[in-house]
Amino acid sequence: MFAMLLGVVQVGLWAHAQHRAQAIASQALAAARTYDGSTALAYDRAEQAQDQLGGGMLHQVDVQVDRGAERTRVRVEAQVVSLLPGAGLPVAAELSGPVERLTP
């Protein structure tokens, strides 16, 4: 019974961590796709968002930013804190969007 309760709580933590990974990816994408944005700015924004939202729930966070001439892609992968031994659940979020351009 206790293990089942911990399992339910673990799934809730995983769902919450998935939302946090999505928010980190969203912040990084917003920084990278602006007209004067860059991958360095995206990594900085992702780190800030991780500090604000991570709260010890996400471990081994890996952020990948690919900013091309027309599109930007951000992928965030992390491990969720585990309540059950051996139940390390991964989360991932991937977003992409067009790079802003000025047109006369």
PDB file of N, CA and C in Angstrom:
ATOM      1  N   MET A   1       0.823  -1.194   0.000  1.00  0.00           N
ATOM      2  CA  MET A   1       0.000   0.000   0.000  1.00  0.00           C
ATOM      3  C   MET A   1       0.868   1.258   0.000  1.00  0.00           C
ATOM      4  N   PHE A   2       1.899   1.256   0.854  1.00  0.00           N
ATOM      5  CA  PHE A   2       2.777   2.420   0.938  1.00  0.00           C
ATOM      6  C   PHE A   2       3.539   2.631  -0.369  1.00  0.00           C
ATOM      7  N   ALA A   3       3.993   1.535  -0.978  1.00  0.00           N
ATOM      8  CA  ALA A   3       4.714   1.636  -2.252  1.00  0.00           C
ATOM      9  C   ALA A   3       3.799   2.175  -3.344  1.00  0.00           C
ATOM     10  N   MET A   4       2.534   1.779  -3.321  1.00  0.00           N
ATOM     11  CA  MET A   4       1.588   2.276  -4.310  1.00  0.00           C
ATOM     12  C   MET A   4       1.366   3.775  -4.133  1.00  0.00           C
ATOM     13  N   LEU A   5       1.262   4.223  -2.902  1.00  0.00           N
ATOM     14  CA  LEU A   5       1.103   5.649  -2.623  1.00  0.00           C
ATOM     15  C   LEU A   5       2.324   6.429  -3.108  1.00  0.00           C
ATOM     16  N   LEU A   6       3.509   5.900  -2.836  1.00  0.00           N
ATOM     17  CA  LEU A   6       4.727   6.554  -3.324  1.00  0.00           C
ATOM     18  C   LEU A   6       4.764   6.585  -4.845  1.00  0.00           C
ATOM     19  N   GLY A   7       4.276   5.540  -5.478  1.00  0.00           N
ATOM     20  CA  GLY A   7       4.216   5.503  -6.938  1.00  0.00           C
ATOM     21  C   GLY A   7       3.315   6.588  -7.499  1.00  0.00           C
ATOM     22  N   VAL A   8       2.178   6.794  -6.862  1.00  0.00           N
ATOM     23  CA  VAL A   8       1.252   7.848  -7.298  1.00  0.00           C
ATOM     24  C   VAL A   8       1.896   9.224  -7.129  1.00  0.00           C
ATOM     25  N   VAL A   9       2.551   9.437  -6.003  1.00  0.00           N
ATOM     26  CA  VAL A   9       3.234  10.715  -5.768  1.00  0.00           C
ATOM     27  C   VAL A   9       4.361  10.899  -6.783  1.00  0.00           C
ATOM     28  N   GLN A  10       5.082   9.818  -7.112  1.00  0.00           N
ATOM     29  CA  GLN A  10       6.170   9.898  -8.086  1.00  0.00           C
ATOM     30  C   GLN A  10       5.642  10.318  -9.454  1.00  0.00           C
ATOM     31  N   VAL A  11       4.511   9.776  -9.859  1.00  0.00           N
ATOM     32  CA  VAL A  11       3.910  10.155 -11.139  1.00  0.00           C
ATOM     33  C   VAL A  11       3.509  11.630 -11.112  1.00  0.00           C
ATOM     34  N   GLY A  12       2.987  12.101  -9.995  1.00  0.00           N
ATOM     35  CA  GLY A  12       2.653  13.522  -9.865  1.00  0.00           C
ATOM     36  C   GLY A  12       3.882  14.404  -9.971  1.00  0.00           C
ATOM     37  N   LEU A  13       4.972  13.988  -9.343  1.00  0.00           N
ATOM     38  CA  LEU A  13       6.231  14.738  -9.458  1.00  0.00           C
ATOM     39  C   LEU A  13       6.724  14.759 -10.897  1.00  0.00           C
ATOM     40  N   TRP A  14       6.602  13.625 -11.575  1.00  0.00           N
ATOM     41  CA  TRP A  14       7.027  13.552 -12.976  1.00  0.00           C
ATOM     42  C   TRP A  14       6.218  14.531 -13.833  1.00  0.00           C
ATOM     43  N   ALA A  15       4.900  14.564 -13.647  1.00  0.00           N
ATOM     44  CA  ALA A  15       4.055  15.465 -14.430  1.00  0.00           C
ATOM     45  C   ALA A  15       4.421  16.923 -14.161  1.00  0.00           C
ATOM     46  N   HIS A  16       4.657  17.245 -12.909  1.00  0.00           N
ATOM     47  CA  HIS A  16       5.038  18.614 -12.556  1.00  0.00           C
ATOM     48  C   HIS A  16       6.404  18.961 -13.147  1.00  0.00           C
ATOM     49  N   ALA A  17       7.332  18.026 -13.108  1.00  0.00           N
ATOM     50  CA  ALA A  17       8.664  18.248 -13.677  1.00  0.00           C
ATOM     51  C   ALA A  17       8.588  18.424 -15.189  1.00  0.00           C
ATOM     52  N   GLN A  18       7.668  17.725 -15.832  1.00  0.00           N
ATOM     53  CA  GLN A  18       7.490  17.875 -17.285  1.00  0.00           C
ATOM     54  C   GLN A  18       7.078  19.306 -17.613  1.00  0.00           C
ATOM     55  N   HIS A  19       6.196  19.872 -16.811  1.00  0.00           N
ATOM     56  CA  HIS A  19       5.779  21.264 -17.014  1.00  0.00           C
ATOM     57  C   HIS A  19       6.948  22.223 -16.797  1.00  0.00           C
ATOM     58  N   ARG A  20       7.786  21.933 -15.829  1.00  0.00           N
ATOM     59  CA  ARG A  20       8.954  22.780 -15.576  1.00  0.00           C
ATOM     60  C   ARG A  20       9.936  22.714 -16.739  1.00  0.00           C
ATOM     61  N   ALA A  21      10.166  21.537 -17.277  1.00  0.00           N
ATOM     62  CA  ALA A  21      11.053  21.402 -18.436  1.00  0.00           C
ATOM     63  C   ALA A  21      10.488  22.171 -19.626  1.00  0.00           C
ATOM     64  N   GLN A  22       9.180  22.124 -19.808  1.00  0.00           N
ATOM     65  CA  GLN A  22       8.525  22.862 -20.887  1.00  0.00           C
ATOM     66  C   GLN A  22       8.706  24.366 -20.684  1.00  0.00           C
ATOM     67  N   ALA A  23       8.592  24.840 -19.460  1.00  0.00           N
ATOM     68  CA  ALA A  23       8.764  26.267 -19.175  1.00  0.00           C
ATOM     69  C   ALA A  23      10.202  26.710 -19.422  1.00  0.00           C
ATOM     70  N   ILE A  24      11.172  25.884 -19.063  1.00  0.00           N
ATOM     71  CA  ILE A  24      12.578  26.211 -19.314  1.00  0.00           C
ATOM     72  C   ILE A  24      12.823  26.302 -20.813  1.00  0.00           C
ATOM     73  N   ALA A  25      12.286  25.353 -21.569  1.00  0.00           N
ATOM     74  CA  ALA A  25      12.446  25.370 -23.026  1.00  0.00           C
ATOM     75  C   ALA A  25      11.779  26.598 -23.634  1.00  0.00           C
ATOM     76  N   SER A  26      10.627  26.966 -23.122  1.00  0.00           N
ATOM     77  CA  SER A  26       9.910  28.135 -23.630  1.00  0.00           C
ATOM     78  C   SER A  26      10.701  29.421 -23.406  1.00  0.00           C
ATOM     79  N   GLN A  27      11.283  29.563 -22.218  1.00  0.00           N
ATOM     80  CA  GLN A  27      12.089  30.751 -21.921  1.00  0.00           C
ATOM     81  C   GLN A  27      13.319  30.819 -22.824  1.00  0.00           C
ATOM     82  N   ALA A  28      13.986  29.691 -23.020  1.00  0.00           N
ATOM     83  CA  ALA A  28      15.174  29.661 -23.874  1.00  0.00           C
ATOM     84  C   ALA A  28      14.815  29.968 -25.320  1.00  0.00           C
ATOM     85  N   LEU A  29      13.709  29.422 -25.799  1.00  0.00           N
ATOM     86  CA  LEU A  29      13.288  29.679 -27.176  1.00  0.00           C
ATOM     87  C   LEU A  29      12.958  31.151 -27.376  1.00  0.00           C
ATOM     88  N   ALA A  30      12.272  31.745 -26.422  1.00  0.00           N
ATOM     89  CA  ALA A  30      11.922  33.162 -26.528  1.00  0.00           C
ATOM     90  C   ALA A  30      13.168  34.031 -26.642  1.00  0.00           C
ATOM     91  N   ALA A  31      14.227  33.662 -25.923  1.00  0.00           N
ATOM     92  CA  ALA A  31      15.470  34.443 -25.972  1.00  0.00           C
ATOM     93  C   ALA A  31      16.229  34.213 -27.268  1.00  0.00           C
ATOM     94  N   ALA A  32      16.199  33.006 -27.790  1.00  0.00           N
ATOM     95  CA  ALA A  32      16.995  32.673 -28.973  1.00  0.00           C
ATOM     96  C   ALA A  32      16.368  33.156 -30.266  1.00  0.00           C
ATOM     97  N   ARG A  33      15.066  33.231 -30.341  1.00  0.00           N
ATOM     98  CA  ARG A  33      14.442  33.516 -31.628  1.00  0.00           C
ATOM     99  C   ARG A  33      14.218  35.000 -31.907  1.00  0.00           C
ATOM    100  N   THR A  34      14.550  35.870 -30.947  1.00  0.00           N
ATOM    101  CA  THR A  34      14.408  37.298 -31.203  1.00  0.00           C
ATOM    102  C   THR A  34      15.411  37.753 -32.252  1.00  0.00           C
ATOM    103  N   TYR A  35      15.163  38.903 -32.839  1.00  0.00           N
ATOM    104  CA  TYR A  35      16.024  39.420 -33.908  1.00  0.00           C
ATOM    105  C   TYR A  35      17.472  39.508 -33.456  1.00  0.00           C
ATOM    106  N   ASP A  36      17.706  39.998 -32.245  1.00  0.00           N
ATOM    107  CA  ASP A  36      19.074  40.134 -31.737  1.00  0.00           C
ATOM    108  C   ASP A  36      19.430  39.016 -30.751  1.00  0.00           C
ATOM    109  N   GLY A  37      18.699  37.914 -30.790  1.00  0.00           N
ATOM    110  CA  GLY A  37      18.952  36.792 -29.893  1.00  0.00           C
ATOM    111  C   GLY A  37      20.150  35.967 -30.335  1.00  0.00           C
ATOM    112  N   SER A  38      20.548  35.047 -29.471  1.00  0.00           N
ATOM    113  CA  SER A  38      21.687  34.177 -29.776  1.00  0.00           C
ATOM    114  C   SER A  38      21.556  32.896 -28.964  1.00  0.00           C
ATOM    115  N   THR A  39      22.379  31.922 -29.313  1.00  0.00           N
ATOM    116  CA  THR A  39      22.371  30.686 -28.529  1.00  0.00           C
ATOM    117  C   THR A  39      22.893  30.943 -27.122  1.00  0.00           C
ATOM    118  N   ALA A  40      23.880  31.828 -26.994  1.00  0.00           N
ATOM    119  CA  ALA A  40      24.420  32.143 -25.663  1.00  0.00           C
ATOM    120  C   ALA A  40      23.336  32.759 -24.781  1.00  0.00           C
ATOM    121  N   LEU A  41      22.547  33.656 -25.345  1.00  0.00           N
ATOM    122  CA  LEU A  41      21.450  34.268 -24.594  1.00  0.00           C
ATOM    123  C   LEU A  41      20.410  33.212 -24.202  1.00  0.00           C
ATOM    124  N   ALA A  42      20.164  32.269 -25.095  1.00  0.00           N
ATOM    125  CA  ALA A  42      19.204  31.204 -24.803  1.00  0.00           C
ATOM    126  C   ALA A  42      19.688  30.321 -23.658  1.00  0.00           C
ATOM    127  N   TYR A  43      20.981  29.980 -23.668  1.00  0.00           N
ATOM    128  CA  TYR A  43      21.526  29.166 -22.577  1.00  0.00           C
ATOM    129  C   TYR A  43      21.460  29.917 -21.245  1.00  0.00           C
ATOM    130  N   ASP A  44      21.750  31.222 -21.276  1.00  0.00           N
ATOM    131  CA  ASP A  44      21.654  32.026 -20.052  1.00  0.00           C
ATOM    132  C   ASP A  44      20.222  32.053 -19.528  1.00  0.00           C
ATOM    133  N   ARG A  45      19.270  32.258 -20.433  1.00  0.00           N
ATOM    134  CA  ARG A  45      17.857  32.311 -20.033  1.00  0.00           C
ATOM    135  C   ARG A  45      17.397  30.955 -19.500  1.00  0.00           C
ATOM    136  N   ALA A  46      17.863  29.877 -20.113  1.00  0.00           N
ATOM    137  CA  ALA A  46      17.504  28.539 -19.632  1.00  0.00           C
ATOM    138  C   ALA A  46      18.059  28.303 -18.235  1.00  0.00           C
ATOM    139  N   GLU A  47      19.273  28.762 -17.993  1.00  0.00           N
ATOM    140  CA  GLU A  47      19.873  28.595 -16.666  1.00  0.00           C
ATOM    141  C   GLU A  47      19.110  29.399 -15.618  1.00  0.00           C
ATOM    142  N   GLN A  48      18.703  30.624 -15.980  1.00  0.00           N
ATOM    143  CA  GLN A  48      17.910  31.437 -15.054  1.00  0.00           C
ATOM    144  C   GLN A  48      16.575  30.760 -14.746  1.00  0.00           C
ATOM    145  N   ALA A  49      15.924  30.262 -15.786  1.00  0.00           N
ATOM    146  CA  ALA A  49      14.636  29.592 -15.590  1.00  0.00           C
ATOM    147  C   ALA A  49      14.806  28.331 -14.755  1.00  0.00           C
ATOM    148  N   GLN A  50      15.894  27.613 -14.983  1.00  0.00           N
ATOM    149  CA  GLN A  50      16.150  26.405 -14.195  1.00  0.00           C
ATOM    150  C   GLN A  50      16.351  26.749 -12.725  1.00  0.00           C
ATOM    151  N   ASP A  51      17.083  27.826 -12.453  1.00  0.00           N
ATOM    152  CA  ASP A  51      17.290  28.244 -11.068  1.00  0.00           C
ATOM    153  C   ASP A  51      15.972  28.637 -10.409  1.00  0.00           C
ATOM    154  N   GLN A  52      15.096  29.303 -11.172  1.00  0.00           N
ATOM    155  CA  GLN A  52      13.821  29.751 -10.622  1.00  0.00           C
ATOM    156  C   GLN A  52      12.811  28.616 -10.496  1.00  0.00           C
ATOM    157  N   LEU A  53      12.812  27.702 -11.459  1.00  0.00           N
ATOM    158  CA  LEU A  53      11.768  26.682 -11.513  1.00  0.00           C
ATOM    159  C   LEU A  53      12.218  25.292 -11.086  1.00  0.00           C
ATOM    160  N   GLY A  54      13.509  25.025 -11.189  1.00  0.00           N
ATOM    161  CA  GLY A  54      14.007  23.674 -10.916  1.00  0.00           C
ATOM    162  C   GLY A  54      13.724  23.229  -9.507  1.00  0.00           C
ATOM    163  N   GLY A  55      14.113  24.028  -8.550  1.00  0.00           N
ATOM    164  CA  GLY A  55      13.807  23.751  -7.159  1.00  0.00           C
ATOM    165  C   GLY A  55      14.257  22.393  -6.657  1.00  0.00           C
ATOM    166  N   GLY A  56      15.298  21.837  -7.212  1.00  0.00           N
ATOM    167  CA  GLY A  56      15.774  20.536  -6.778  1.00  0.00           C
ATOM    168  C   GLY A  56      14.988  19.373  -7.350  1.00  0.00           C
ATOM    169  N   MET A  57      13.966  19.660  -8.133  1.00  0.00           N
ATOM    170  CA  MET A  57      13.149  18.599  -8.717  1.00  0.00           C
ATOM    171  C   MET A  57      13.806  17.999  -9.955  1.00  0.00           C
ATOM    172  N   LEU A  58      14.542  18.825 -10.693  1.00  0.00           N
ATOM    173  CA  LEU A  58      15.189  18.377 -11.923  1.00  0.00           C
ATOM    174  C   LEU A  58      16.681  18.202 -11.689  1.00  0.00           C
ATOM    175  N   HIS A  59      17.215  17.083 -12.154  1.00  0.00           N
ATOM    176  CA  HIS A  59      18.641  16.790 -12.047  1.00  0.00           C
ATOM    177  C   HIS A  59      19.183  16.479 -13.436  1.00  0.00           C
ATOM    178  N   GLN A  60      20.473  16.651 -13.607  1.00  0.00           N
ATOM    179  CA  GLN A  60      21.142  16.346 -14.873  1.00  0.00           C
ATOM    180  C   GLN A  60      20.431  17.024 -16.041  1.00  0.00           C
ATOM    181  N   VAL A  61      20.174  18.310 -15.895  1.00  0.00           N
ATOM    182  CA  VAL A  61      19.467  19.065 -16.924  1.00  0.00           C
ATOM    183  C   VAL A  61      20.413  19.324 -18.089  1.00  0.00           C
ATOM    184  N   ASP A  62      19.953  18.993 -19.285  1.00  0.00           N
ATOM    185  CA  ASP A  62      20.725  19.207 -20.502  1.00  0.00           C
ATOM    186  C   ASP A  62      19.881  20.053 -21.445  1.00  0.00           C
ATOM    187  N   VAL A  63      20.406  21.213 -21.830  1.00  0.00           N
ATOM    188  CA  VAL A  63      19.712  22.117 -22.740  1.00  0.00           C
ATOM    189  C   VAL A  63      20.487  22.155 -24.047  1.00  0.00           C
ATOM    190  N   GLN A  64      19.781  21.968 -25.147  1.00  0.00           N
ATOM    191  CA  GLN A  64      20.381  22.047 -26.477  1.00  0.00           C
ATOM    192  C   GLN A  64      19.649  23.124 -27.259  1.00  0.00           C
ATOM    193  N   VAL A  65      20.417  24.041 -27.840  1.00  0.00           N
ATOM    194  CA  VAL A  65      19.841  25.126 -28.627  1.00  0.00           C
ATOM    195  C   VAL A  65      20.454  25.085 -30.015  1.00  0.00           C
ATOM    196  N   ASP A  66      19.605  25.090 -31.026  1.00  0.00           N
ATOM    197  CA  ASP A  66      20.058  25.116 -32.417  1.00  0.00           C
ATOM    198  C   ASP A  66      19.372  26.301 -33.086  1.00  0.00           C
ATOM    199  N   ARG A  67      20.139  27.368 -33.325  1.00  0.00           N
ATOM    200  CA  ARG A  67      19.580  28.580 -33.933  1.00  0.00           C
ATOM    201  C   ARG A  67      20.112  28.703 -35.346  1.00  0.00           C
ATOM    202  N   GLY A  68      19.244  28.500 -36.300  1.00  0.00           N
ATOM    203  CA  GLY A  68      19.607  28.649 -37.698  1.00  0.00           C
ATOM    204  C   GLY A  68      19.179  30.010 -38.213  1.00  0.00           C
ATOM    205  N   ALA A  69      19.311  30.198 -39.504  1.00  0.00           N
ATOM    206  CA  ALA A  69      18.943  31.477 -40.113  1.00  0.00           C
ATOM    207  C   ALA A  69      17.428  31.694 -40.087  1.00  0.00           C
ATOM    208  N   GLU A  70      16.666  30.618 -40.158  1.00  0.00           N
ATOM    209  CA  GLU A  70      15.216  30.750 -40.246  1.00  0.00           C
ATOM    210  C   GLU A  70      14.452  30.187 -39.044  1.00  0.00           C
ATOM    211  N   ARG A  71      15.002  29.137 -38.410  1.00  0.00           N
ATOM    212  CA  ARG A  71      14.292  28.495 -37.301  1.00  0.00           C
ATOM    213  C   ARG A  71      15.221  28.265 -36.121  1.00  0.00           C
ATOM    214  N   THR A  72      14.619  28.219 -34.954  1.00  0.00           N
ATOM    215  CA  THR A  72      15.344  27.922 -33.722  1.00  0.00           C
ATOM    216  C   THR A  72      14.674  26.730 -33.058  1.00  0.00           C
ATOM    217  N   ARG A  73      15.505  25.823 -32.541  1.00  0.00           N
ATOM    218  CA  ARG A  73      14.991  24.645 -31.846  1.00  0.00           C
ATOM    219  C   ARG A  73      15.671  24.548 -30.488  1.00  0.00           C
ATOM    220  N   VAL A  74      14.876  24.286 -29.458  1.00  0.00           N
ATOM    221  CA  VAL A  74      15.396  24.110 -28.098  1.00  0.00           C
ATOM    222  C   VAL A  74      14.887  22.777 -27.565  1.00  0.00           C
ATOM    223  N   ARG A  75      15.793  22.009 -26.988  1.00  0.00           N
ATOM    224  CA  ARG A  75      15.423  20.729 -26.361  1.00  0.00           C
ATOM    225  C   ARG A  75      15.984  20.702 -24.945  1.00  0.00           C
ATOM    226  N   VAL A  76      15.133  20.360 -23.994  1.00  0.00           N
ATOM    227  CA  VAL A  76      15.521  20.249 -22.590  1.00  0.00           C
ATOM    228  C   VAL A  76      15.262  18.813 -22.149  1.00  0.00           C
ATOM    229  N   GLU A  77      16.287  18.184 -21.600  1.00  0.00           N
ATOM    230  CA  GLU A  77      16.162  16.836 -21.049  1.00  0.00           C
ATOM    231  C   GLU A  77      16.654  16.868 -19.611  1.00  0.00           C
ATOM    232  N   ALA A  78      15.997  16.122 -18.737  1.00  0.00           N
ATOM    233  CA  ALA A  78      16.393  16.089 -17.326  1.00  0.00           C
ATOM    234  C   ALA A  78      15.885  14.810 -16.681  1.00  0.00           C
ATOM    235  N   GLN A  79      16.372  14.566 -15.477  1.00  0.00           N
ATOM    236  CA  GLN A  79      15.903  13.458 -14.653  1.00  0.00           C
ATOM    237  C   GLN A  79      15.097  14.043 -13.493  1.00  0.00           C
ATOM    238  N   VAL A  80      14.021  13.371 -13.147  1.00  0.00           N
ATOM    239  CA  VAL A  80      13.158  13.805 -12.045  1.00  0.00           C
ATOM    240  C   VAL A  80      13.673  13.186 -10.749  1.00  0.00           C
ATOM    241  N   VAL A  81      13.606  13.954  -9.678  1.00  0.00           N
ATOM    242  CA  VAL A  81      13.981  13.422  -8.369  1.00  0.00           C
ATOM    243  C   VAL A  81      13.123  12.181  -8.092  1.00  0.00           C
ATOM    244  N   SER A  82      13.742  11.159  -7.533  1.00  0.00           N
ATOM    245  CA  SER A  82      13.066   9.880  -7.358  1.00  0.00           C
ATOM    246  C   SER A  82      12.737   9.614  -5.894  1.00  0.00           C
ATOM    247  N   LEU A  83      11.505   9.210  -5.640  1.00  0.00           N
ATOM    248  CA  LEU A  83      11.088   8.792  -4.304  1.00  0.00           C
ATOM    249  C   LEU A  83      11.290   7.293  -4.116  1.00  0.00           C
ATOM    250  N   LEU A  84      11.266   6.569  -5.218  1.00  0.00           N
ATOM    251  CA  LEU A  84      11.429   5.121  -5.190  1.00  0.00           C
ATOM    252  C   LEU A  84      12.802   4.761  -5.741  1.00  0.00           C
ATOM    253  N   PRO A  85      13.528   3.902  -5.093  1.00  0.00           N
ATOM    254  CA  PRO A  85      14.845   3.506  -5.601  1.00  0.00           C
ATOM    255  C   PRO A  85      14.739   2.903  -7.000  1.00  0.00           C
ATOM    256  N   GLY A  86      15.576   3.400  -7.890  1.00  0.00           N
ATOM    257  CA  GLY A  86      15.599   2.880  -9.253  1.00  0.00           C
ATOM    258  C   GLY A  86      14.505   3.406 -10.149  1.00  0.00           C
ATOM    259  N   ALA A  87      13.727   4.359  -9.691  1.00  0.00           N
ATOM    260  CA  ALA A  87      12.623   4.889 -10.497  1.00  0.00           C
ATOM    261  C   ALA A  87      12.975   6.253 -11.059  1.00  0.00           C
ATOM    262  N   GLY A  88      14.185   6.408 -11.574  1.00  0.00           N
ATOM    263  CA  GLY A  88      14.578   7.680 -12.175  1.00  0.00           C
ATOM    264  C   GLY A  88      13.848   7.898 -13.484  1.00  0.00           C
ATOM    265  N   LEU A  89      12.905   8.790 -13.489  1.00  0.00           N
ATOM    266  CA  LEU A  89      12.107   9.042 -14.685  1.00  0.00           C
ATOM    267  C   LEU A  89      12.655  10.248 -15.441  1.00  0.00           C
ATOM    268  N   PRO A  90      12.829  10.119 -16.750  1.00  0.00           N
ATOM    269  CA  PRO A  90      13.300  11.256 -17.538  1.00  0.00           C
ATOM    270  C   PRO A  90      12.130  12.137 -17.986  1.00  0.00           C
ATOM    271  N   VAL A  91      12.431  13.402 -18.195  1.00  0.00           N
ATOM    272  CA  VAL A  91      11.483  14.322 -18.822  1.00  0.00           C
ATOM    273  C   VAL A  91      12.202  14.999 -19.973  1.00  0.00           C
ATOM    274  N   ALA A  92      11.440  15.399 -20.971  1.00  0.00           N
ATOM    275  CA  ALA A  92      12.013  16.096 -22.119  1.00  0.00           C
ATOM    276  C   ALA A  92      10.969  17.044 -22.688  1.00  0.00           C
ATOM    277  N   ALA A  93      11.454  18.163 -23.191  1.00  0.00           N
ATOM    278  CA  ALA A  93      10.586  19.133 -23.850  1.00  0.00           C
ATOM    279  C   ALA A  93      11.336  19.678 -25.049  1.00  0.00           C
ATOM    280  N   GLU A  94      10.665  19.770 -26.170  1.00  0.00           N
ATOM    281  CA  GLU A  94      11.283  20.303 -27.378  1.00  0.00           C
ATOM    282  C   GLU A  94      10.337  21.310 -28.010  1.00  0.00           C
ATOM    283  N   LEU A  95      10.867  22.486 -28.290  1.00  0.00           N
ATOM    284  CA  LEU A  95      10.100  23.555 -28.917  1.00  0.00           C
ATOM    285  C   LEU A  95      10.894  24.115 -30.081  1.00  0.00           C
ATOM    286  N   SER A  96      10.191  24.644 -31.060  1.00  0.00           N
ATOM    287  CA  SER A  96      10.870  25.320 -32.163  1.00  0.00           C
ATOM    288  C   SER A  96       9.994  26.464 -32.639  1.00  0.00           C
ATOM    289  N   GLY A  97      10.633  27.410 -33.290  1.00  0.00           N
ATOM    290  CA  GLY A  97       9.904  28.558 -33.804  1.00  0.00           C
ATOM    291  C   GLY A  97      10.762  29.337 -34.774  1.00  0.00           C
ATOM    292  N   PRO A  98      10.138  30.198 -35.553  1.00  0.00           N
ATOM    293  CA  PRO A  98      10.894  30.983 -36.530  1.00  0.00           C
ATOM    294  C   PRO A  98      11.724  32.068 -35.852  1.00  0.00           C
ATOM    295  N   VAL A  99      12.854  32.381 -36.478  1.00  0.00           N
ATOM    296  CA  VAL A  99      13.701  33.483 -36.011  1.00  0.00           C
ATOM    297  C   VAL A  99      13.085  34.781 -36.518  1.00  0.00           C
ATOM    298  N   GLU A 100      12.994  35.773 -35.646  1.00  0.00           N
ATOM    299  CA  GLU A 100      12.436  37.059 -36.043  1.00  0.00           C
ATOM    300  C   GLU A 100      13.343  37.734 -37.060  1.00  0.00           C
ATOM    301  N   ARG A 101      12.726  38.342 -38.064  1.00  0.00           N
ATOM    302  CA  ARG A 101      13.470  39.072 -39.090  1.00  0.00           C
ATOM    303  C   ARG A 101      12.825  40.435 -39.280  1.00  0.00           C
ATOM    304  N   LEU A 102      13.643  41.397 -39.628  1.00  0.00           N
ATOM    305  CA  LEU A 102      13.125  42.713 -39.990  1.00  0.00           C
ATOM    306  C   LEU A 102      12.959  42.759 -41.498  1.00  0.00           C
ATOM    307  N   THR A 103      11.787  43.135 -41.932  1.00  0.00           N
ATOM    308  CA  THR A 103      11.549  43.260 -43.365  1.00  0.00           C
ATOM    309  C   THR A 103      11.139  44.693 -43.663  1.00  0.00           C
ATOM    310  N   PRO A 104      11.727  45.260 -44.699  1.00  0.00           N
ATOM    311  CA  PRO A 104      11.393  46.652 -45.036  1.00  0.00           C
ATOM    312  C   PRO A 104      10.018  46.777 -45.642  1.00  0.00           C
TER     313      PRO A 104
END
